[in-house]
């Protein structure tokens, strides 16, 4: 069985997208992370050479990018929960309307309904994570907010 170039080309493209592209993305992100760490190390060493009395812990703390606050992470989950829930409900309603109206391919209606149900379930999971996380992490969020206020004063 001999394949011609019309059959081989989609295979090459799909292999490139599914195999090579993710590997290249991971390699580039790791390279960027290593370069960033090397630059931070060089800055700390230069600061120590110029001033040996410097507090290294404070310098490292100031150089570190602050991670997202717990509140920001929870709000992101809330945002994604609302978004995926709305899209899921829209898909389910659309598949119901298509089924009621008739004249559409049954497979498409089923795919749309199942996709909507999955998106709705994911949205509900995000929303539950937000509400339970907000409840469980309230003390940590307050402490984090106090630390941020003390750091800004």
N, C-alpha and C. Protein backbone atom coordinates (compact mmCIF):
# COMPACT_ATOMS: atom_id res chain seq x y z
N UNK A 1 0.84 -1.16 0.00
CA UNK A 1 0.00 0.00 0.00
C UNK A 1 0.89 1.24 0.00
N UNK A 2 0.86 1.97 -1.08
CA UNK A 2 1.69 3.16 -1.24
C UNK A 2 0.82 4.39 -1.01
N UNK A 3 1.34 5.31 -0.19
CA UNK A 3 0.61 6.54 0.06
C UNK A 3 1.17 7.65 -0.80
N UNK A 4 0.30 8.45 -1.32
CA UNK A 4 0.78 9.59 -2.10
C UNK A 4 0.93 10.81 -1.19
N UNK A 5 1.42 11.91 -1.74
CA UNK A 5 1.72 13.09 -0.91
C UNK A 5 0.46 13.72 -0.33
N UNK A 6 -0.68 13.52 -0.94
CA UNK A 6 -1.93 14.07 -0.41
C UNK A 6 -2.31 13.37 0.89
N UNK A 7 -1.98 12.08 1.01
CA UNK A 7 -2.29 11.34 2.23
C UNK A 7 -1.24 11.56 3.31
N UNK A 8 -0.01 11.79 2.94
CA UNK A 8 1.08 11.93 3.90
C UNK A 8 1.08 13.31 4.56
N UNK A 9 0.71 14.34 3.81
CA UNK A 9 0.80 15.70 4.32
C UNK A 9 -0.03 15.91 5.60
N UNK A 10 -1.30 15.47 5.66
CA UNK A 10 -2.05 15.66 6.92
C UNK A 10 -1.42 14.93 8.10
N UNK A 11 -0.80 13.78 7.85
CA UNK A 11 -0.14 13.05 8.93
C UNK A 11 1.05 13.83 9.46
N UNK A 12 1.82 14.42 8.57
CA UNK A 12 2.99 15.21 9.00
C UNK A 12 2.55 16.42 9.79
N UNK A 13 1.51 17.10 9.32
CA UNK A 13 1.02 18.28 10.02
C UNK A 13 0.48 17.90 11.40
N UNK A 14 -0.29 16.84 11.49
CA UNK A 14 -0.83 16.44 12.78
C UNK A 14 0.27 15.99 13.74
N UNK A 15 1.28 15.29 13.25
CA UNK A 15 2.42 14.92 14.10
C UNK A 15 3.17 16.16 14.59
N UNK A 16 3.33 17.11 13.69
CA UNK A 16 4.01 18.35 14.08
C UNK A 16 3.25 19.10 15.15
N UNK A 17 1.94 19.18 15.01
CA UNK A 17 1.13 19.93 15.97
C UNK A 17 0.98 19.17 17.28
N UNK A 18 0.80 17.88 17.21
CA UNK A 18 0.52 17.09 18.42
C UNK A 18 1.77 16.63 19.16
N UNK A 19 2.90 16.54 18.50
CA UNK A 19 4.10 16.03 19.14
C UNK A 19 5.19 17.09 19.26
N UNK A 20 5.57 17.66 18.14
CA UNK A 20 6.71 18.58 18.13
C UNK A 20 6.37 19.90 18.81
N UNK A 21 5.21 20.47 18.52
CA UNK A 21 4.85 21.78 19.09
C UNK A 21 4.83 21.78 20.62
N UNK A 22 4.19 20.81 21.29
CA UNK A 22 4.24 20.82 22.75
C UNK A 22 5.65 20.68 23.32
N UNK A 23 6.48 19.87 22.66
CA UNK A 23 7.86 19.71 23.13
C UNK A 23 8.62 21.02 23.00
N UNK A 24 8.44 21.71 21.89
CA UNK A 24 9.12 23.00 21.69
C UNK A 24 8.63 24.02 22.71
N UNK A 25 7.34 24.06 22.99
CA UNK A 25 6.80 25.01 23.96
C UNK A 25 7.38 24.75 25.34
N UNK A 26 7.42 23.51 25.77
CA UNK A 26 7.97 23.17 27.09
C UNK A 26 9.46 23.51 27.15
N UNK A 27 10.20 23.20 26.09
CA UNK A 27 11.64 23.49 26.08
C UNK A 27 11.90 24.99 26.15
N UNK A 28 11.14 25.78 25.41
CA UNK A 28 11.33 27.23 25.45
C UNK A 28 10.96 27.82 26.81
N UNK A 29 9.90 27.32 27.41
CA UNK A 29 9.52 27.86 28.73
C UNK A 29 10.55 27.48 29.79
N UNK A 30 11.10 26.28 29.72
CA UNK A 30 12.13 25.88 30.67
C UNK A 30 13.41 26.70 30.46
N UNK A 31 13.76 26.95 29.22
CA UNK A 31 14.93 27.76 28.93
C UNK A 31 14.76 29.17 29.47
N UNK A 32 13.57 29.73 29.30
CA UNK A 32 13.30 31.08 29.83
C UNK A 32 13.39 31.10 31.35
N UNK A 33 12.86 30.06 31.99
CA UNK A 33 12.90 29.99 33.45
C UNK A 33 14.35 29.88 33.95
N UNK A 34 15.17 29.08 33.28
CA UNK A 34 16.57 28.94 33.68
C UNK A 34 17.34 30.25 33.50
N UNK A 35 17.09 30.95 32.41
CA UNK A 35 17.74 32.24 32.18
C UNK A 35 17.32 33.26 33.24
N UNK A 36 16.08 33.24 33.60
CA UNK A 36 15.58 34.15 34.63
C UNK A 36 16.25 33.87 35.97
N UNK A 37 16.36 32.61 36.33
CA UNK A 37 17.02 32.24 37.59
C UNK A 37 18.50 32.63 37.57
N UNK A 38 19.15 32.45 36.43
CA UNK A 38 20.56 32.82 36.32
C UNK A 38 20.74 34.33 36.49
N UNK A 39 19.85 35.11 35.89
CA UNK A 39 19.91 36.57 36.04
C UNK A 39 19.69 36.99 37.48
N UNK A 40 18.75 36.36 38.16
CA UNK A 40 18.51 36.67 39.58
C UNK A 40 19.74 36.35 40.42
N UNK A 41 20.37 35.20 40.14
CA UNK A 41 21.57 34.81 40.87
C UNK A 41 22.69 35.82 40.65
N UNK A 42 22.86 36.26 39.41
CA UNK A 42 23.90 37.24 39.10
C UNK A 42 23.65 38.56 39.81
N UNK A 43 22.40 38.98 39.90
CA UNK A 43 22.07 40.23 40.59
C UNK A 43 22.38 40.11 42.07
N UNK A 44 22.03 39.00 42.66
CA UNK A 44 22.29 38.81 44.10
C UNK A 44 23.79 38.77 44.37
N UNK A 45 24.53 38.06 43.52
CA UNK A 45 25.99 38.00 43.71
C UNK A 45 26.63 39.38 43.54
N UNK A 46 26.17 40.16 42.56
CA UNK A 46 26.71 41.51 42.37
C UNK A 46 26.39 42.40 43.56
N UNK A 47 25.19 42.27 44.12
CA UNK A 47 24.83 43.06 45.30
C UNK A 47 25.68 42.67 46.49
N UNK A 48 25.98 41.38 46.64
CA UNK A 48 26.82 40.93 47.76
C UNK A 48 28.26 41.41 47.59
N UNK A 49 28.76 41.46 46.36
CA UNK A 49 30.12 41.93 46.12
C UNK A 49 30.26 43.42 46.42
N UNK A 50 29.24 44.18 46.09
CA UNK A 50 29.31 45.63 46.33
C UNK A 50 29.08 45.99 47.78
N UNK A 51 28.19 45.27 48.43
CA UNK A 51 27.85 45.58 49.82
C UNK A 51 27.68 44.27 50.58
N UNK A 52 28.68 43.92 51.38
CA UNK A 52 28.63 42.63 52.09
C UNK A 52 27.67 42.66 53.27
N UNK A 53 27.20 43.83 53.67
CA UNK A 53 26.29 43.94 54.81
C UNK A 53 24.82 43.81 54.41
N UNK A 54 24.57 43.49 53.17
CA UNK A 54 23.19 43.45 52.67
C UNK A 54 22.46 42.24 53.23
N UNK A 55 21.18 42.42 53.50
CA UNK A 55 20.33 41.34 53.98
C UNK A 55 19.84 40.55 52.76
N UNK A 56 20.37 39.36 52.58
CA UNK A 56 20.07 38.55 51.39
C UNK A 56 18.61 38.12 51.36
N UNK A 57 18.07 37.75 52.51
CA UNK A 57 16.68 37.29 52.56
C UNK A 57 15.73 38.39 52.10
N UNK A 58 15.97 39.61 52.56
CA UNK A 58 15.11 40.73 52.18
C UNK A 58 15.25 41.03 50.69
N UNK A 59 16.48 40.95 50.18
CA UNK A 59 16.71 41.19 48.75
C UNK A 59 16.00 40.14 47.90
N UNK A 60 16.07 38.89 48.29
CA UNK A 60 15.41 37.82 47.55
C UNK A 60 13.89 38.02 47.61
N UNK A 61 13.36 38.39 48.76
CA UNK A 61 11.93 38.61 48.91
C UNK A 61 11.47 39.75 48.01
N UNK A 62 12.28 40.81 47.91
CA UNK A 62 11.91 41.94 47.06
C UNK A 62 12.03 41.58 45.58
N UNK A 63 12.95 40.71 45.24
CA UNK A 63 13.14 40.33 43.83
C UNK A 63 12.10 39.34 43.34
N UNK A 64 11.56 38.54 44.25
CA UNK A 64 10.57 37.54 43.84
C UNK A 64 9.30 38.24 43.39
N UNK A 65 8.78 37.80 42.25
CA UNK A 65 7.48 38.29 41.83
C UNK A 65 6.45 37.73 42.80
N UNK A 66 5.60 38.56 43.30
CA UNK A 66 4.58 38.01 44.21
C UNK A 66 3.61 37.13 43.42
N UNK A 67 3.37 35.96 43.97
CA UNK A 67 2.38 35.09 43.34
C UNK A 67 1.01 35.74 43.46
N UNK A 68 0.09 35.20 42.73
CA UNK A 68 -1.26 35.73 42.82
C UNK A 68 -1.80 35.47 44.21
N UNK A 69 -2.54 36.42 44.70
CA UNK A 69 -3.15 36.27 46.01
C UNK A 69 -4.21 35.18 45.96
N UNK A 70 -4.52 34.63 47.13
CA UNK A 70 -5.54 33.58 47.22
C UNK A 70 -6.86 34.11 46.69
N UNK A 71 -7.15 35.35 47.00
CA UNK A 71 -8.40 35.96 46.56
C UNK A 71 -8.45 36.04 45.03
N UNK A 72 -7.33 36.41 44.41
CA UNK A 72 -7.28 36.48 42.95
C UNK A 72 -7.47 35.10 42.33
N UNK A 73 -6.87 34.08 42.92
CA UNK A 73 -7.02 32.72 42.40
C UNK A 73 -8.48 32.26 42.51
N UNK A 74 -9.11 32.58 43.64
CA UNK A 74 -10.50 32.18 43.80
C UNK A 74 -11.42 32.94 42.84
N UNK A 75 -11.14 34.22 42.63
CA UNK A 75 -11.95 34.99 41.69
C UNK A 75 -11.78 34.47 40.26
N UNK A 76 -10.60 34.00 39.92
CA UNK A 76 -10.39 33.40 38.60
C UNK A 76 -11.23 32.13 38.46
N UNK A 77 -11.30 31.32 39.52
CA UNK A 77 -12.14 30.12 39.48
C UNK A 77 -13.62 30.50 39.32
N UNK A 78 -14.03 31.56 40.02
CA UNK A 78 -15.41 32.03 39.91
C UNK A 78 -15.71 32.48 38.48
N UNK A 79 -14.78 33.22 37.89
CA UNK A 79 -14.94 33.71 36.52
C UNK A 79 -15.07 32.54 35.54
N UNK A 80 -14.19 31.56 35.64
CA UNK A 80 -14.25 30.41 34.74
C UNK A 80 -15.51 29.58 35.00
N UNK A 81 -15.94 29.50 36.24
CA UNK A 81 -17.15 28.75 36.56
C UNK A 81 -18.38 29.38 35.93
N UNK A 82 -18.48 30.70 36.02
CA UNK A 82 -19.61 31.38 35.40
C UNK A 82 -19.57 31.21 33.88
N UNK A 83 -18.39 31.41 33.31
CA UNK A 83 -18.24 31.34 31.85
C UNK A 83 -18.60 29.95 31.31
N UNK A 84 -18.02 28.91 31.89
CA UNK A 84 -18.29 27.57 31.38
C UNK A 84 -19.73 27.14 31.66
N UNK A 85 -20.30 27.59 32.76
CA UNK A 85 -21.71 27.26 33.04
C UNK A 85 -22.63 27.90 32.02
N UNK A 86 -22.39 29.16 31.70
CA UNK A 86 -23.24 29.84 30.72
C UNK A 86 -23.13 29.17 29.35
N UNK A 87 -21.90 28.85 28.94
CA UNK A 87 -21.72 28.19 27.64
C UNK A 87 -22.39 26.81 27.66
N UNK A 88 -22.24 26.06 28.76
CA UNK A 88 -22.86 24.75 28.87
C UNK A 88 -24.37 24.82 28.79
N UNK A 89 -24.96 25.77 29.51
CA UNK A 89 -26.42 25.93 29.46
C UNK A 89 -26.85 26.31 28.04
N UNK A 90 -26.08 27.18 27.41
CA UNK A 90 -26.40 27.57 26.03
C UNK A 90 -26.37 26.39 25.09
N UNK A 91 -25.37 25.53 25.22
CA UNK A 91 -25.29 24.34 24.36
C UNK A 91 -26.46 23.40 24.61
N UNK A 92 -26.82 23.19 25.87
CA UNK A 92 -27.92 22.28 26.19
C UNK A 92 -29.23 22.84 25.64
N UNK A 93 -29.45 24.14 25.82
CA UNK A 93 -30.68 24.76 25.30
C UNK A 93 -30.70 24.68 23.77
N UNK A 94 -29.55 24.97 23.14
CA UNK A 94 -29.49 24.91 21.68
C UNK A 94 -29.76 23.50 21.18
N UNK A 95 -29.22 22.49 21.83
CA UNK A 95 -29.47 21.11 21.38
C UNK A 95 -30.94 20.74 21.59
N UNK A 96 -31.54 21.25 22.65
CA UNK A 96 -32.97 20.99 22.88
C UNK A 96 -33.82 21.64 21.80
N UNK A 97 -33.48 22.88 21.45
CA UNK A 97 -34.22 23.58 20.39
C UNK A 97 -34.04 22.87 19.05
N UNK A 98 -32.81 22.45 18.77
CA UNK A 98 -32.55 21.74 17.51
C UNK A 98 -33.31 20.42 17.47
N UNK A 99 -33.39 19.71 18.58
CA UNK A 99 -34.12 18.45 18.63
C UNK A 99 -35.62 18.67 18.48
N UNK A 100 -36.13 19.73 19.08
CA UNK A 100 -37.55 20.02 18.99
C UNK A 100 -37.94 20.45 17.57
N UNK A 101 -37.08 21.30 16.96
CA UNK A 101 -37.38 21.82 15.62
C UNK A 101 -37.28 20.73 14.57
N UNK A 102 -36.37 19.80 14.75
CA UNK A 102 -36.22 18.72 13.79
C UNK A 102 -35.45 19.17 12.56
N UNK A 103 -35.12 18.22 11.72
CA UNK A 103 -34.42 18.53 10.49
C UNK A 103 -32.91 18.60 10.64
N UNK A 104 -32.39 18.34 11.82
CA UNK A 104 -30.94 18.38 12.06
C UNK A 104 -30.41 16.96 12.20
N UNK A 105 -29.12 16.81 12.01
CA UNK A 105 -28.49 15.50 12.14
C UNK A 105 -28.47 15.12 13.62
N UNK A 106 -28.93 13.94 13.92
CA UNK A 106 -29.05 13.49 15.31
C UNK A 106 -27.71 13.46 16.02
N UNK A 107 -26.66 13.07 15.32
CA UNK A 107 -25.34 13.02 15.94
C UNK A 107 -24.89 14.40 16.39
N UNK A 108 -25.17 15.41 15.59
CA UNK A 108 -24.80 16.79 15.97
C UNK A 108 -25.55 17.25 17.20
N UNK A 109 -26.83 16.91 17.26
CA UNK A 109 -27.64 17.29 18.43
C UNK A 109 -27.11 16.61 19.68
N UNK A 110 -26.81 15.33 19.58
CA UNK A 110 -26.28 14.60 20.73
C UNK A 110 -24.93 15.14 21.16
N UNK A 111 -24.06 15.41 20.19
CA UNK A 111 -22.74 15.96 20.52
C UNK A 111 -22.88 17.30 21.22
N UNK A 112 -23.76 18.15 20.74
CA UNK A 112 -23.97 19.47 21.34
C UNK A 112 -24.53 19.33 22.76
N UNK A 113 -25.47 18.41 22.94
CA UNK A 113 -26.06 18.20 24.26
C UNK A 113 -25.05 17.65 25.26
N UNK A 114 -24.26 16.68 24.82
CA UNK A 114 -23.24 16.10 25.71
C UNK A 114 -22.16 17.12 26.04
N UNK A 115 -21.73 17.88 25.03
CA UNK A 115 -20.73 18.93 25.28
C UNK A 115 -21.26 19.97 26.26
N UNK A 116 -22.51 20.34 26.10
CA UNK A 116 -23.12 21.30 27.02
C UNK A 116 -23.18 20.77 28.44
N UNK A 117 -23.54 19.50 28.57
CA UNK A 117 -23.62 18.90 29.90
C UNK A 117 -22.23 18.85 30.56
N UNK A 118 -21.22 18.51 29.77
CA UNK A 118 -19.85 18.45 30.31
C UNK A 118 -19.38 19.84 30.73
N UNK A 119 -19.62 20.84 29.87
CA UNK A 119 -19.22 22.21 30.22
C UNK A 119 -19.98 22.71 31.45
N UNK A 120 -21.24 22.38 31.54
CA UNK A 120 -22.03 22.77 32.71
C UNK A 120 -21.47 22.12 33.98
N UNK A 121 -21.11 20.85 33.89
CA UNK A 121 -20.54 20.16 35.05
C UNK A 121 -19.20 20.78 35.46
N UNK A 122 -18.37 21.14 34.48
CA UNK A 122 -17.09 21.77 34.79
C UNK A 122 -17.34 23.13 35.45
N UNK A 123 -18.29 23.89 34.92
CA UNK A 123 -18.62 25.19 35.50
C UNK A 123 -19.10 25.07 36.94
N UNK A 124 -19.95 24.09 37.19
CA UNK A 124 -20.44 23.88 38.56
C UNK A 124 -19.28 23.48 39.48
N UNK A 125 -18.36 22.67 38.97
CA UNK A 125 -17.20 22.28 39.78
C UNK A 125 -16.35 23.50 40.12
N UNK A 126 -16.13 24.39 39.15
CA UNK A 126 -15.39 25.62 39.44
C UNK A 126 -16.11 26.48 40.47
N UNK A 127 -17.42 26.60 40.34
CA UNK A 127 -18.18 27.42 41.29
C UNK A 127 -18.15 26.82 42.70
N UNK A 128 -18.28 25.49 42.78
CA UNK A 128 -18.18 24.85 44.10
C UNK A 128 -16.80 25.05 44.70
N UNK A 129 -15.77 24.94 43.88
CA UNK A 129 -14.41 25.18 44.36
C UNK A 129 -14.27 26.59 44.89
N UNK A 130 -14.85 27.54 44.17
CA UNK A 130 -14.78 28.94 44.62
C UNK A 130 -15.46 29.13 45.96
N UNK A 131 -16.71 28.65 46.10
CA UNK A 131 -17.46 28.89 47.33
C UNK A 131 -16.85 28.16 48.53
N UNK A 132 -16.45 26.90 48.34
CA UNK A 132 -15.83 26.18 49.45
C UNK A 132 -14.44 26.72 49.76
N UNK A 133 -13.70 27.10 48.74
CA UNK A 133 -12.38 27.69 48.97
C UNK A 133 -12.47 29.01 49.70
N UNK A 134 -13.45 29.82 49.35
CA UNK A 134 -13.66 31.10 50.01
C UNK A 134 -13.97 30.89 51.50
N UNK A 135 -14.79 29.89 51.75
CA UNK A 135 -15.17 29.59 53.13
C UNK A 135 -13.99 29.05 53.93
N UNK A 136 -13.23 28.13 53.32
CA UNK A 136 -12.15 27.48 54.05
C UNK A 136 -10.91 28.36 54.19
N UNK A 137 -10.67 29.24 53.24
CA UNK A 137 -9.44 30.03 53.23
C UNK A 137 -9.66 31.47 53.69
N UNK A 138 -10.75 31.73 54.39
CA UNK A 138 -11.04 33.11 54.80
C UNK A 138 -9.97 33.66 55.74
N UNK A 139 -9.48 32.85 56.67
CA UNK A 139 -8.45 33.33 57.59
C UNK A 139 -7.13 33.61 56.86
N UNK A 140 -6.79 32.74 55.93
CA UNK A 140 -5.56 32.94 55.16
C UNK A 140 -5.64 34.20 54.30
N UNK A 141 -6.82 34.46 53.73
CA UNK A 141 -7.00 35.65 52.91
C UNK A 141 -6.87 36.92 53.75
N UNK A 142 -7.42 36.88 54.97
CA UNK A 142 -7.30 38.04 55.86
C UNK A 142 -5.84 38.29 56.24
N UNK A 143 -5.12 37.21 56.56
CA UNK A 143 -3.70 37.36 56.92
C UNK A 143 -2.90 37.87 55.73
N UNK A 144 -3.20 37.38 54.56
CA UNK A 144 -2.51 37.82 53.36
C UNK A 144 -2.79 39.30 53.08
N UNK A 145 -4.02 39.71 53.30
CA UNK A 145 -4.38 41.11 53.09
C UNK A 145 -3.67 42.01 54.10
N UNK A 146 -3.55 41.56 55.35
CA UNK A 146 -2.84 42.34 56.37
C UNK A 146 -1.36 42.46 56.00
N UNK A 147 -0.75 41.37 55.51
CA UNK A 147 0.64 41.41 55.09
C UNK A 147 0.85 42.38 53.94
N UNK A 148 -0.09 42.40 53.00
CA UNK A 148 0.02 43.31 51.87
C UNK A 148 -0.09 44.76 52.34
N UNK A 149 -0.98 45.02 53.29
CA UNK A 149 -1.13 46.39 53.80
C UNK A 149 0.11 46.82 54.57
N UNK A 150 0.70 45.92 55.34
CA UNK A 150 1.91 46.25 56.08
C UNK A 150 3.08 46.46 55.14
N UNK A 151 3.13 45.73 54.06
CA UNK A 151 4.22 45.87 53.10
C UNK A 151 4.12 47.17 52.33
N UNK A 152 2.90 47.67 52.12
CA UNK A 152 2.71 48.91 51.37
C UNK A 152 2.93 50.14 52.22
N UNK A 153 2.86 50.01 53.57
CA UNK A 153 3.02 51.19 54.44
C UNK A 153 4.44 51.57 54.62
